[in-house]
Amino acid sequence: MTTATTETTTEARTEARTEVTTAVTTGAAPAAVSGEGRAAGARVEVHAGGGWAAVCGLSDLVPGRGVAALLPDGRQVAVFRDRAGRTYAVGNRDPFTGAYVLSRGLLGSVDGRAFVASPLLKQRFDLTTGRCLDDDAASVPVYAVRTS
């Protein structure tokens, strides 16, 4: 990578981080854990660190697929939209491998509970509780999500 490319990439990351930090410090009121989209230009926000952070546009979420997002405090989250339009956010780190890959997992449901299956070892994590459906000793953090 050339110096010009590095400077442009660093500049873009700084601008993106500034936008997320600004969103967190605006102090919007909390909302439900799972939200439905309201408009085509809606933003998806995750509650973490005492505030809301804008992570992507609702239109960026393809139903059944996830995206990874970096929170202002450096944590990674995996954000999902199911086929019914509900949004979820969990920690992106797979506790079994330590890899940050849950955003690449497949969505499914069992007994009416939505889950993401890790793309590596296929353990399933409940999207509302973070509990591993295949090993009671494991879990991932869950974050409140809203669309605005």
N, C-alpha and C. Protein backbone atom coordinates (compact mmCIF):
# COMPACT_ATOMS: atom_id res chain seq x y z
N MET A 1 0.85 -1.17 0.00
CA MET A 1 0.00 0.00 0.00
C MET A 1 0.89 1.22 0.00
N THR A 2 0.57 2.17 -0.82
CA THR A 2 1.37 3.39 -0.92
C THR A 2 1.03 4.36 0.20
N THR A 3 1.89 5.35 0.38
CA THR A 3 1.66 6.36 1.42
C THR A 3 0.37 7.11 1.18
N ALA A 4 0.07 7.46 -0.07
CA ALA A 4 -1.17 8.20 -0.39
C ALA A 4 -2.39 7.37 -0.02
N THR A 5 -2.36 6.06 -0.32
CA THR A 5 -3.47 5.18 0.02
C THR A 5 -3.63 5.07 1.52
N THR A 6 -2.52 4.94 2.24
CA THR A 6 -2.55 4.85 3.69
C THR A 6 -3.15 6.10 4.30
N GLU A 7 -2.75 7.27 3.80
CA GLU A 7 -3.29 8.53 4.33
C GLU A 7 -4.78 8.64 4.06
N THR A 8 -5.24 8.25 2.88
CA THR A 8 -6.66 8.29 2.54
C THR A 8 -7.45 7.34 3.42
N THR A 9 -6.94 6.11 3.63
CA THR A 9 -7.61 5.13 4.47
C THR A 9 -7.69 5.63 5.90
N THR A 10 -6.61 6.16 6.43
CA THR A 10 -6.59 6.68 7.80
C THR A 10 -7.57 7.84 7.93
N GLU A 11 -7.61 8.71 6.94
CA GLU A 11 -8.53 9.85 6.94
C GLU A 11 -9.98 9.36 6.95
N ALA A 12 -10.30 8.36 6.14
CA ALA A 12 -11.67 7.83 6.08
C ALA A 12 -12.06 7.19 7.40
N ARG A 13 -11.13 6.44 8.02
CA ARG A 13 -11.43 5.82 9.32
C ARG A 13 -11.66 6.88 10.38
N THR A 14 -10.86 7.93 10.37
CA THR A 14 -11.01 9.01 11.34
C THR A 14 -12.37 9.67 11.17
N GLU A 15 -12.78 9.94 9.92
CA GLU A 15 -14.08 10.55 9.67
C GLU A 15 -15.21 9.63 10.13
N ALA A 16 -15.11 8.34 9.85
CA ALA A 16 -16.15 7.39 10.26
C ALA A 16 -16.23 7.31 11.78
N ARG A 17 -15.09 7.25 12.46
CA ARG A 17 -15.07 7.19 13.91
C ARG A 17 -15.66 8.46 14.50
N THR A 18 -15.39 9.62 13.90
CA THR A 18 -15.94 10.89 14.37
C THR A 18 -17.46 10.87 14.25
N GLU A 19 -17.99 10.34 13.14
CA GLU A 19 -19.44 10.26 12.96
C GLU A 19 -20.07 9.37 14.02
N VAL A 20 -19.46 8.21 14.32
CA VAL A 20 -19.99 7.30 15.33
C VAL A 20 -19.92 7.95 16.71
N THR A 21 -18.80 8.59 17.03
CA THR A 21 -18.65 9.26 18.32
C THR A 21 -19.69 10.35 18.47
N THR A 22 -19.93 11.11 17.44
CA THR A 22 -20.95 12.16 17.47
C THR A 22 -22.32 11.56 17.75
N ALA A 23 -22.63 10.44 17.11
CA ALA A 23 -23.92 9.78 17.33
C ALA A 23 -24.07 9.32 18.76
N VAL A 24 -22.99 8.82 19.37
CA VAL A 24 -23.05 8.32 20.74
C VAL A 24 -23.25 9.47 21.72
N THR A 25 -22.61 10.60 21.48
CA THR A 25 -22.67 11.70 22.43
C THR A 25 -23.93 12.56 22.31
N THR A 26 -24.80 12.27 21.35
CA THR A 26 -26.03 13.07 21.23
C THR A 26 -27.04 12.72 22.30
N GLY A 27 -26.91 11.54 22.93
CA GLY A 27 -27.75 11.18 24.07
C GLY A 27 -29.20 10.91 23.73
N ALA A 28 -29.46 10.20 22.67
CA ALA A 28 -30.84 9.86 22.32
C ALA A 28 -31.43 8.89 23.34
N ALA A 29 -32.74 8.88 23.49
CA ALA A 29 -33.40 8.03 24.47
C ALA A 29 -33.32 6.56 24.07
N PRO A 30 -33.21 5.63 25.06
CA PRO A 30 -33.15 4.20 24.77
C PRO A 30 -34.43 3.69 24.10
N ALA A 31 -34.29 2.58 23.36
CA ALA A 31 -35.43 1.96 22.70
C ALA A 31 -35.40 0.46 22.94
N ALA A 32 -36.26 -0.26 22.27
CA ALA A 32 -36.37 -1.70 22.45
C ALA A 32 -35.12 -2.42 21.94
N VAL A 33 -34.95 -3.68 22.38
CA VAL A 33 -33.81 -4.48 21.98
C VAL A 33 -33.85 -4.76 20.49
N SER A 34 -35.00 -5.00 19.95
CA SER A 34 -35.12 -5.34 18.54
C SER A 34 -36.09 -4.37 17.88
N GLY A 35 -35.66 -3.72 16.80
CA GLY A 35 -36.52 -2.72 16.17
C GLY A 35 -36.82 -3.08 14.74
N GLU A 36 -37.89 -2.54 14.23
CA GLU A 36 -38.24 -2.71 12.83
C GLU A 36 -37.89 -1.45 12.06
N GLY A 37 -37.61 -1.59 10.79
CA GLY A 37 -37.27 -0.44 9.95
C GLY A 37 -38.47 0.46 9.74
N ARG A 38 -38.22 1.73 9.67
CA ARG A 38 -39.30 2.69 9.50
C ARG A 38 -39.29 3.29 8.10
N ALA A 39 -38.13 3.61 7.59
CA ALA A 39 -38.06 4.27 6.29
C ALA A 39 -36.85 3.78 5.54
N ALA A 40 -36.83 4.01 4.24
CA ALA A 40 -35.73 3.54 3.41
C ALA A 40 -34.39 4.12 3.85
N GLY A 41 -34.37 5.36 4.37
CA GLY A 41 -33.14 6.00 4.79
C GLY A 41 -32.82 5.81 6.26
N ALA A 42 -33.47 4.84 6.91
CA ALA A 42 -33.28 4.63 8.34
C ALA A 42 -31.86 4.18 8.67
N ARG A 43 -31.38 4.60 9.84
CA ARG A 43 -30.07 4.18 10.34
C ARG A 43 -30.26 3.14 11.42
N VAL A 44 -29.33 2.21 11.50
CA VAL A 44 -29.32 1.22 12.57
C VAL A 44 -28.33 1.70 13.62
N GLU A 45 -28.78 1.75 14.88
CA GLU A 45 -27.94 2.20 15.98
C GLU A 45 -27.87 1.11 17.04
N VAL A 46 -26.70 0.98 17.66
CA VAL A 46 -26.46 0.00 18.71
C VAL A 46 -26.17 0.75 20.00
N HIS A 47 -26.78 0.29 21.10
CA HIS A 47 -26.56 0.93 22.41
C HIS A 47 -25.37 0.26 23.09
N ALA A 48 -24.34 1.05 23.34
CA ALA A 48 -23.15 0.54 24.01
C ALA A 48 -22.40 1.68 24.66
N GLY A 49 -21.81 1.44 25.80
CA GLY A 49 -21.01 2.46 26.45
C GLY A 49 -21.80 3.68 26.90
N GLY A 50 -23.09 3.49 27.24
CA GLY A 50 -23.90 4.58 27.72
C GLY A 50 -24.53 5.45 26.66
N GLY A 51 -24.38 5.11 25.39
CA GLY A 51 -24.97 5.91 24.33
C GLY A 51 -25.28 5.06 23.11
N TRP A 52 -25.84 5.69 22.11
CA TRP A 52 -26.19 5.02 20.87
C TRP A 52 -25.14 5.34 19.80
N ALA A 53 -24.71 4.31 19.10
CA ALA A 53 -23.74 4.48 18.01
C ALA A 53 -24.38 4.06 16.70
N ALA A 54 -24.35 4.94 15.70
CA ALA A 54 -24.85 4.59 14.37
C ALA A 54 -23.84 3.63 13.74
N VAL A 55 -24.33 2.47 13.28
CA VAL A 55 -23.40 1.48 12.73
C VAL A 55 -23.57 1.26 11.23
N CYS A 56 -24.78 1.48 10.70
CA CYS A 56 -24.98 1.32 9.26
C CYS A 56 -26.38 1.80 8.90
N GLY A 57 -26.65 1.86 7.63
CA GLY A 57 -28.00 2.15 7.17
C GLY A 57 -28.82 0.88 7.17
N LEU A 58 -30.11 0.98 7.43
CA LEU A 58 -30.96 -0.20 7.43
C LEU A 58 -30.89 -0.91 6.07
N SER A 59 -30.78 -0.13 5.00
CA SER A 59 -30.70 -0.72 3.65
C SER A 59 -29.39 -1.48 3.43
N ASP A 60 -28.39 -1.27 4.30
CA ASP A 60 -27.13 -2.02 4.21
C ASP A 60 -27.26 -3.44 4.72
N LEU A 61 -28.32 -3.71 5.48
CA LEU A 61 -28.53 -5.04 6.05
C LEU A 61 -29.41 -5.87 5.12
N VAL A 62 -28.82 -6.90 4.56
CA VAL A 62 -29.56 -7.82 3.72
C VAL A 62 -30.22 -8.84 4.65
N PRO A 63 -31.55 -9.02 4.57
CA PRO A 63 -32.20 -9.99 5.46
C PRO A 63 -31.53 -11.35 5.39
N GLY A 64 -31.23 -11.89 6.57
CA GLY A 64 -30.58 -13.19 6.66
C GLY A 64 -29.07 -13.14 6.66
N ARG A 65 -28.49 -11.97 6.49
CA ARG A 65 -27.04 -11.80 6.47
C ARG A 65 -26.64 -10.79 7.53
N GLY A 66 -25.37 -10.75 7.90
CA GLY A 66 -24.90 -9.83 8.92
C GLY A 66 -23.82 -8.90 8.41
N VAL A 67 -23.55 -7.86 9.21
CA VAL A 67 -22.43 -6.96 8.97
C VAL A 67 -21.68 -6.78 10.28
N ALA A 68 -20.39 -6.55 10.18
CA ALA A 68 -19.57 -6.26 11.36
C ALA A 68 -19.45 -4.75 11.50
N ALA A 69 -19.44 -4.29 12.74
CA ALA A 69 -19.29 -2.85 13.00
C ALA A 69 -18.36 -2.66 14.18
N LEU A 70 -17.60 -1.59 14.14
CA LEU A 70 -16.68 -1.24 15.22
C LEU A 70 -17.31 -0.14 16.05
N LEU A 71 -17.46 -0.38 17.35
CA LEU A 71 -18.03 0.61 18.25
C LEU A 71 -16.95 1.60 18.66
N PRO A 72 -17.34 2.78 19.15
CA PRO A 72 -16.35 3.80 19.53
C PRO A 72 -15.33 3.32 20.56
N ASP A 73 -15.71 2.36 21.41
CA ASP A 73 -14.78 1.87 22.44
C ASP A 73 -13.89 0.73 21.92
N GLY A 74 -13.99 0.40 20.64
CA GLY A 74 -13.13 -0.62 20.04
C GLY A 74 -13.74 -2.01 19.97
N ARG A 75 -14.89 -2.22 20.59
CA ARG A 75 -15.54 -3.53 20.52
C ARG A 75 -16.16 -3.73 19.14
N GLN A 76 -16.20 -4.99 18.71
CA GLN A 76 -16.83 -5.34 17.44
C GLN A 76 -18.19 -5.96 17.71
N VAL A 77 -19.18 -5.58 16.91
CA VAL A 77 -20.49 -6.19 16.99
C VAL A 77 -20.87 -6.75 15.63
N ALA A 78 -21.71 -7.77 15.68
CA ALA A 78 -22.29 -8.35 14.47
C ALA A 78 -23.75 -7.91 14.46
N VAL A 79 -24.18 -7.23 13.40
CA VAL A 79 -25.53 -6.69 13.31
C VAL A 79 -26.27 -7.47 12.23
N PHE A 80 -27.52 -7.87 12.54
CA PHE A 80 -28.31 -8.70 11.64
C PHE A 80 -29.71 -8.13 11.47
N ARG A 81 -30.31 -8.46 10.34
CA ARG A 81 -31.72 -8.18 10.08
C ARG A 81 -32.34 -9.47 9.60
N ASP A 82 -33.38 -9.93 10.30
CA ASP A 82 -34.00 -11.18 9.87
C ASP A 82 -35.03 -10.91 8.77
N ARG A 83 -35.60 -11.96 8.25
CA ARG A 83 -36.53 -11.82 7.13
C ARG A 83 -37.83 -11.13 7.51
N ALA A 84 -38.13 -11.05 8.81
CA ALA A 84 -39.31 -10.34 9.30
C ALA A 84 -39.01 -8.85 9.52
N GLY A 85 -37.74 -8.43 9.33
CA GLY A 85 -37.36 -7.03 9.48
C GLY A 85 -36.82 -6.66 10.85
N ARG A 86 -36.76 -7.61 11.79
CA ARG A 86 -36.21 -7.32 13.12
C ARG A 86 -34.69 -7.24 13.04
N THR A 87 -34.11 -6.34 13.83
CA THR A 87 -32.66 -6.19 13.87
C THR A 87 -32.12 -6.67 15.20
N TYR A 88 -30.89 -7.18 15.16
CA TYR A 88 -30.22 -7.72 16.34
C TYR A 88 -28.74 -7.33 16.30
N ALA A 89 -28.12 -7.28 17.47
CA ALA A 89 -26.67 -7.06 17.53
C ALA A 89 -26.10 -7.91 18.66
N VAL A 90 -25.04 -8.64 18.34
CA VAL A 90 -24.32 -9.45 19.32
C VAL A 90 -22.83 -9.20 19.14
N GLY A 91 -22.03 -9.60 20.11
CA GLY A 91 -20.59 -9.50 19.95
C GLY A 91 -20.15 -10.30 18.74
N ASN A 92 -19.17 -9.81 18.02
CA ASN A 92 -18.73 -10.46 16.78
C ASN A 92 -17.73 -11.59 17.03
N ARG A 93 -17.20 -11.70 18.26
CA ARG A 93 -16.16 -12.69 18.56
C ARG A 93 -16.78 -14.04 18.88
N ASP A 94 -16.36 -15.06 18.15
CA ASP A 94 -16.77 -16.45 18.41
C ASP A 94 -16.00 -16.92 19.65
N PRO A 95 -16.70 -17.24 20.76
CA PRO A 95 -15.99 -17.63 21.98
C PRO A 95 -15.26 -18.97 21.87
N PHE A 96 -15.58 -19.78 20.90
CA PHE A 96 -14.93 -21.08 20.76
C PHE A 96 -13.59 -20.99 20.02
N THR A 97 -13.46 -20.05 19.10
CA THR A 97 -12.22 -19.94 18.32
C THR A 97 -11.46 -18.64 18.58
N GLY A 98 -12.16 -17.64 19.13
CA GLY A 98 -11.54 -16.34 19.35
C GLY A 98 -11.54 -15.46 18.10
N ALA A 99 -12.06 -15.97 17.01
CA ALA A 99 -12.09 -15.22 15.75
C ALA A 99 -13.31 -14.30 15.71
N TYR A 100 -13.14 -13.14 15.10
CA TYR A 100 -14.22 -12.17 14.97
C TYR A 100 -14.98 -12.45 13.67
N VAL A 101 -15.89 -13.43 13.72
CA VAL A 101 -16.53 -13.93 12.50
C VAL A 101 -18.05 -14.10 12.57
N LEU A 102 -18.67 -13.83 13.71
CA LEU A 102 -20.10 -14.12 13.81
C LEU A 102 -20.94 -13.33 12.80
N SER A 103 -20.46 -12.17 12.37
CA SER A 103 -21.20 -11.41 11.36
C SER A 103 -21.29 -12.16 10.04
N ARG A 104 -20.44 -13.14 9.84
CA ARG A 104 -20.47 -13.94 8.61
C ARG A 104 -21.31 -15.20 8.76
N GLY A 105 -21.91 -15.38 9.95
CA GLY A 105 -22.68 -16.58 10.23
C GLY A 105 -24.03 -16.58 9.53
N LEU A 106 -24.68 -17.73 9.57
CA LEU A 106 -26.00 -17.90 8.96
C LEU A 106 -27.08 -17.73 10.02
N LEU A 107 -28.16 -17.04 9.65
CA LEU A 107 -29.29 -16.88 10.56
C LEU A 107 -30.24 -18.06 10.39
N GLY A 108 -30.89 -18.39 11.49
CA GLY A 108 -31.89 -19.45 11.48
C GLY A 108 -32.77 -19.28 12.70
N SER A 109 -33.66 -20.24 12.92
CA SER A 109 -34.48 -20.21 14.12
C SER A 109 -34.76 -21.64 14.55
N VAL A 110 -34.93 -21.81 15.86
CA VAL A 110 -35.28 -23.09 16.43
C VAL A 110 -36.24 -22.80 17.58
N ASP A 111 -37.37 -23.49 17.59
CA ASP A 111 -38.40 -23.28 18.62
C ASP A 111 -38.78 -21.80 18.72
N GLY A 112 -38.83 -21.09 17.61
CA GLY A 112 -39.23 -19.70 17.58
C GLY A 112 -38.15 -18.72 18.02
N ARG A 113 -36.94 -19.19 18.29
CA ARG A 113 -35.83 -18.32 18.71
C ARG A 113 -34.87 -18.12 17.55
N ALA A 114 -34.59 -16.85 17.26
CA ALA A 114 -33.64 -16.53 16.18
C ALA A 114 -32.23 -16.79 16.68
N PHE A 115 -31.38 -17.31 15.81
CA PHE A 115 -29.98 -17.56 16.17
C PHE A 115 -29.07 -17.27 15.00
N VAL A 116 -27.77 -17.11 15.31
CA VAL A 116 -26.74 -17.05 14.29
C VAL A 116 -25.83 -18.24 14.54
N ALA A 117 -25.49 -18.96 13.47
CA ALA A 117 -24.58 -20.09 13.56
C ALA A 117 -23.19 -19.61 13.14
N SER A 118 -22.20 -19.86 13.97
CA SER A 118 -20.83 -19.46 13.65
C SER A 118 -20.39 -20.12 12.35
N PRO A 119 -19.72 -19.37 11.48
CA PRO A 119 -19.28 -19.96 10.22
C PRO A 119 -18.11 -20.94 10.39
N LEU A 120 -17.50 -20.96 11.57
CA LEU A 120 -16.35 -21.84 11.75
C LEU A 120 -16.74 -23.22 12.29
N LEU A 121 -17.21 -23.27 13.53
CA LEU A 121 -17.53 -24.57 14.14
C LEU A 121 -19.02 -24.83 14.24
N LYS A 122 -19.83 -23.90 13.75
CA LYS A 122 -21.28 -24.02 13.61
C LYS A 122 -22.07 -23.96 14.91
N GLN A 123 -21.49 -23.52 16.03
CA GLN A 123 -22.28 -23.34 17.24
C GLN A 123 -23.30 -22.24 16.99
N ARG A 124 -24.48 -22.39 17.58
CA ARG A 124 -25.58 -21.44 17.37
C ARG A 124 -25.74 -20.57 18.61
N PHE A 125 -25.91 -19.25 18.38
CA PHE A 125 -26.07 -18.29 19.46
C PHE A 125 -27.41 -17.59 19.32
N ASP A 126 -28.21 -17.63 20.39
CA ASP A 126 -29.51 -16.97 20.43
C ASP A 126 -29.29 -15.47 20.27
N LEU A 127 -29.99 -14.84 19.34
CA LEU A 127 -29.78 -13.42 19.05
C LEU A 127 -30.40 -12.49 20.08
N THR A 128 -31.29 -12.98 20.93
CA THR A 128 -31.88 -12.11 21.95
C THR A 128 -31.23 -12.27 23.32
N THR A 129 -30.62 -13.43 23.58
CA THR A 129 -29.99 -13.65 24.90
C THR A 129 -28.48 -13.80 24.80
N GLY A 130 -27.96 -14.16 23.63
CA GLY A 130 -26.53 -14.41 23.45
C GLY A 130 -26.10 -15.80 23.87
N ARG A 131 -27.00 -16.56 24.46
CA ARG A 131 -26.68 -17.90 24.96
C ARG A 131 -26.39 -18.85 23.81
N CYS A 132 -25.36 -19.68 23.98
CA CYS A 132 -25.06 -20.70 22.98
C CYS A 132 -26.07 -21.83 23.12
N LEU A 133 -26.72 -22.19 22.03
CA LEU A 133 -27.73 -23.24 22.05
C LEU A 133 -27.11 -24.63 22.07
N ASP A 134 -25.81 -24.71 21.84
CA ASP A 134 -25.13 -26.00 21.78
C ASP A 134 -24.21 -26.27 22.97
N ASP A 135 -23.97 -25.26 23.79
CA ASP A 135 -23.08 -25.40 24.95
C ASP A 135 -23.48 -24.34 25.97
N ASP A 136 -24.15 -24.77 27.05
CA ASP A 136 -24.66 -23.82 28.05
C ASP A 136 -23.58 -22.98 28.72
N ALA A 137 -22.34 -23.38 28.62
CA ALA A 137 -21.25 -22.65 29.28
C ALA A 137 -20.78 -21.44 28.46
N ALA A 138 -21.23 -21.32 27.23
CA ALA A 138 -20.74 -20.25 26.36
C ALA A 138 -21.87 -19.27 26.02
N SER A 139 -21.46 -18.02 25.77
CA SER A 139 -22.41 -17.00 25.34
C SER A 139 -21.65 -15.85 24.68
N VAL A 140 -22.38 -14.97 24.05
CA VAL A 140 -21.83 -13.75 23.45
C VAL A 140 -22.62 -12.56 23.99
N PRO A 141 -22.02 -11.38 24.07
CA PRO A 141 -22.77 -10.20 24.52
C PRO A 141 -23.88 -9.84 23.53
N VAL A 142 -24.95 -9.29 24.06
CA VAL A 142 -26.08 -8.83 23.26
C VAL A 142 -26.21 -7.32 23.46
N TYR A 143 -26.54 -6.60 22.40
CA TYR A 143 -26.67 -5.15 22.44
C TYR A 143 -28.07 -4.74 22.00
N ALA A 144 -28.60 -3.71 22.63
CA ALA A 144 -29.88 -3.15 22.21
C ALA A 144 -29.69 -2.49 20.85
N VAL A 145 -30.70 -2.61 19.99
CA VAL A 145 -30.64 -2.06 18.64
C VAL A 145 -31.90 -1.23 18.39
N ARG A 146 -31.75 -0.15 17.66
CA ARG A 146 -32.90 0.62 17.22
C ARG A 146 -32.64 1.17 15.83
N THR A 147 -33.72 1.52 15.14
CA THR A 147 -33.59 2.17 13.85
C THR A 147 -34.18 3.58 13.99
N SER A 148 -33.55 4.53 13.34
CA SER A 148 -34.04 5.91 13.44
C SER A 148 -34.03 6.56 12.07
